[in-house]
């Protein structure tokens, strides 16, 4: 995730110089949308029980999704 300073943002201002909108390269905009989506998923799942990595690996091997 880029910091605010790393974004290639351009600003639209009103007649007093107050920033009213932002223009971003489409790639940066899409990255921000992905980050927001990831954060939403994390927030939705924050109360879920955690699973040990060893258990996940064992389950994947059992289901043939991971080789030894």
Protein backbone atom coordinates (compact mmCIF):
# COMPACT_ATOMS: atom_id res chain seq x y z
CA UNK A 1 0.00 0.00 0.00
CA UNK A 2 1.36 3.38 -0.98
CA UNK A 3 1.52 6.28 1.41
CA UNK A 4 -0.36 9.48 0.58
CA UNK A 5 2.96 11.08 -0.40
CA UNK A 6 3.67 8.31 -2.92
CA UNK A 7 0.40 8.73 -4.82
CA UNK A 8 0.57 10.61 -8.09
CA UNK A 9 -2.41 12.74 -7.13
CA UNK A 10 -3.54 15.90 -8.83
CA UNK A 11 -6.10 18.15 -7.21
CA UNK A 12 -9.04 20.14 -8.51
CA UNK A 13 -9.59 23.32 -6.55
CA UNK A 14 -12.39 25.82 -6.31
CA UNK A 15 -11.99 29.54 -6.89
CA UNK A 16 -10.64 30.03 -3.36
CA UNK A 17 -7.96 27.37 -3.77
CA UNK A 18 -9.74 24.79 -1.58
CA UNK A 19 -9.18 21.22 -2.81
CA UNK A 20 -12.49 19.74 -3.96
CA UNK A 21 -11.50 16.58 -5.86
CA UNK A 22 -8.57 14.30 -6.64
CA UNK A 23 -7.35 12.88 -9.93
CA UNK A 24 -5.33 9.64 -9.72
CA UNK A 25 -3.83 7.41 -12.37
CA UNK A 26 -6.27 4.53 -12.94
CA UNK A 27 -3.72 1.96 -11.70
CA UNK A 28 -3.40 3.73 -8.36
CA UNK A 29 -7.18 4.10 -8.08
CA UNK A 30 -7.65 0.36 -8.73
CA UNK A 31 -4.98 -0.49 -6.13
CA UNK A 32 -6.81 1.67 -3.58
CA UNK A 33 -10.08 -0.10 -4.36
CA UNK A 34 -8.39 -3.48 -3.85
CA UNK A 35 -6.93 -2.31 -0.55
CA UNK A 36 -10.37 -1.11 0.60
CA UNK A 37 -11.89 -4.45 -0.38
CA UNK A 38 -9.17 -6.32 1.55
CA UNK A 39 -9.79 -4.16 4.62
CA UNK A 40 -13.54 -4.79 4.39
CA UNK A 41 -12.96 -8.56 4.32
CA UNK A 42 -10.64 -8.30 7.33
CA UNK A 43 -13.24 -6.27 9.24
CA UNK A 44 -15.99 -8.76 8.40
CA UNK A 45 -13.89 -11.72 9.56
CA UNK A 46 -12.31 -10.20 12.67
CA UNK A 47 -14.45 -12.26 15.04
CA UNK A 48 -13.82 -15.58 13.29
CA UNK A 49 -11.85 -18.23 15.09
CA UNK A 50 -8.24 -18.60 13.92
CA UNK A 51 -6.80 -21.83 12.54
CA UNK A 52 -3.22 -22.96 13.11
CA UNK A 53 -1.06 -23.01 9.99
CA UNK A 54 -0.16 -26.65 10.58
CA UNK A 55 -3.87 -27.54 10.52
CA UNK A 56 -4.38 -25.65 7.25
CA UNK A 57 -1.42 -27.41 5.63
CA UNK A 58 -2.64 -30.81 6.84
CA UNK A 59 -6.14 -30.14 5.47
CA UNK A 60 -4.77 -29.02 2.09
CA UNK A 61 -2.61 -32.16 1.86
CA UNK A 62 -5.54 -34.36 2.85
CA UNK A 63 -7.68 -32.78 0.11
CA UNK A 64 -4.92 -33.20 -2.47
CA UNK A 65 -4.47 -29.45 -2.90
CA UNK A 66 -0.92 -29.45 -1.59
CA UNK A 67 1.78 -31.98 -2.27
CA UNK A 68 4.13 -33.33 0.35
